[in-house]
Amino acid sequence: MVLYSVAVTEAAGVDPQAGPGEGLPAPRSVARETARALLWVLALAAVAALSVAGVVTIDRVLGVTVLEPEQPHLLRVMTWNIGKVYLQRESRASDSDLGHVAETILELNPHLVALQELRDRAQLGRLVAALGPGWRGMLPEDVYDRRAALVVRLPSQFIPLVTSTGRVAQGALVRLPSGQSFAAASVHLDAFDAKRRLVQAEEILAGLQRLETDHLLIAGDFNFDTAVAARSSPDHDLYRFLTRELTDAAKDSGPTTIMSHRLDYVFFHSHDVREVRGRVLQDRRINIMDHDPLLVELTLARVAPKPARTGR
């Protein structure tokens, strides 16, 4: 209480060491100075509360972003098909939407983003520039007219994952602050041929497994919905294949498209994952986009440091 009183009186222009009546301001300014002091204390309290809470705060009026401190044992993954409803005209990602996409990514603050239906590397370069310093991205050129990209803000080595169908997934070996390395891939499986989807998934997973890490992650638009796949269909076989070795991180998060289908997934394999949270953000589509972003958070076990050498 004493410290608080001294702080308030100093802010109001009062000498706390003065005798009775010696340090008081003129009568006309007492109310004004007191109000200023209270505002000053409230502002300091607000800043302290934000620092302690460590939350992400977006001030849309001032355009100021306060980012939470990095949590070395948390991996935040986002996947989003940023294309549009498939019509006769252009339905791939639009340059005019890139600012909105970048703003959404920065607000959600993922470490790794799988994006689908970009046109080319030039378009991806414009998005990475909009994200700002610290972000990197890569997109493979393949025979399809819309590509899957991977955008990260962690140390990464990009690796293309080629399939026999002409589709190339974008892979990367991503190193977390905690020390673990994830082999990750952004995928966009064939939209029209279920058997081709199964082949693509098998070959992409095999490519990830060759990267010699125990932690795997595949995110993207898989173009099938487990809720409507018949038990004897290739899509049912595809989901069984994926979940035989991987975990469906957002199994209960609901549909991810404008037509209420669940086409977007995040699958992972890691014995270090202790908690999984997934959610679909249904208010981020603009300009006839037909997919919602999916955000998954993986909480990892703390890795014990290697024992120091004794010199013996």
Foldseek 3Di string as FASTA:
>chain_A
DVVVVVQLCVQLQFDPPDDPPPGDDDPVCPVVSNVRSVVVVVVVVVVVVCLVVQPWDADPVVRDIDHGPDDLQKAKEKEEAQFFDDDPDGTAHDLVCLLLVLVVCVRVVGQKYKYKRDQDVVSVVVSQVSNPPQKDKDWDDWPDRMTIMMMGNFDKDWDWQDFPVGHIWIWIFGATPLGATEIETHDAADQPDLVRLLRVVVSSVVVSVVVPHQKYKYWYFSNDAPVPDDCPDSVVVSVCVQVVAWDFQCPPQFDFWPVRGNGITMIMGDPFFDDKDKYWDDPSHDDRHTGTMIMMMTRGHRDDDDDDDPPD
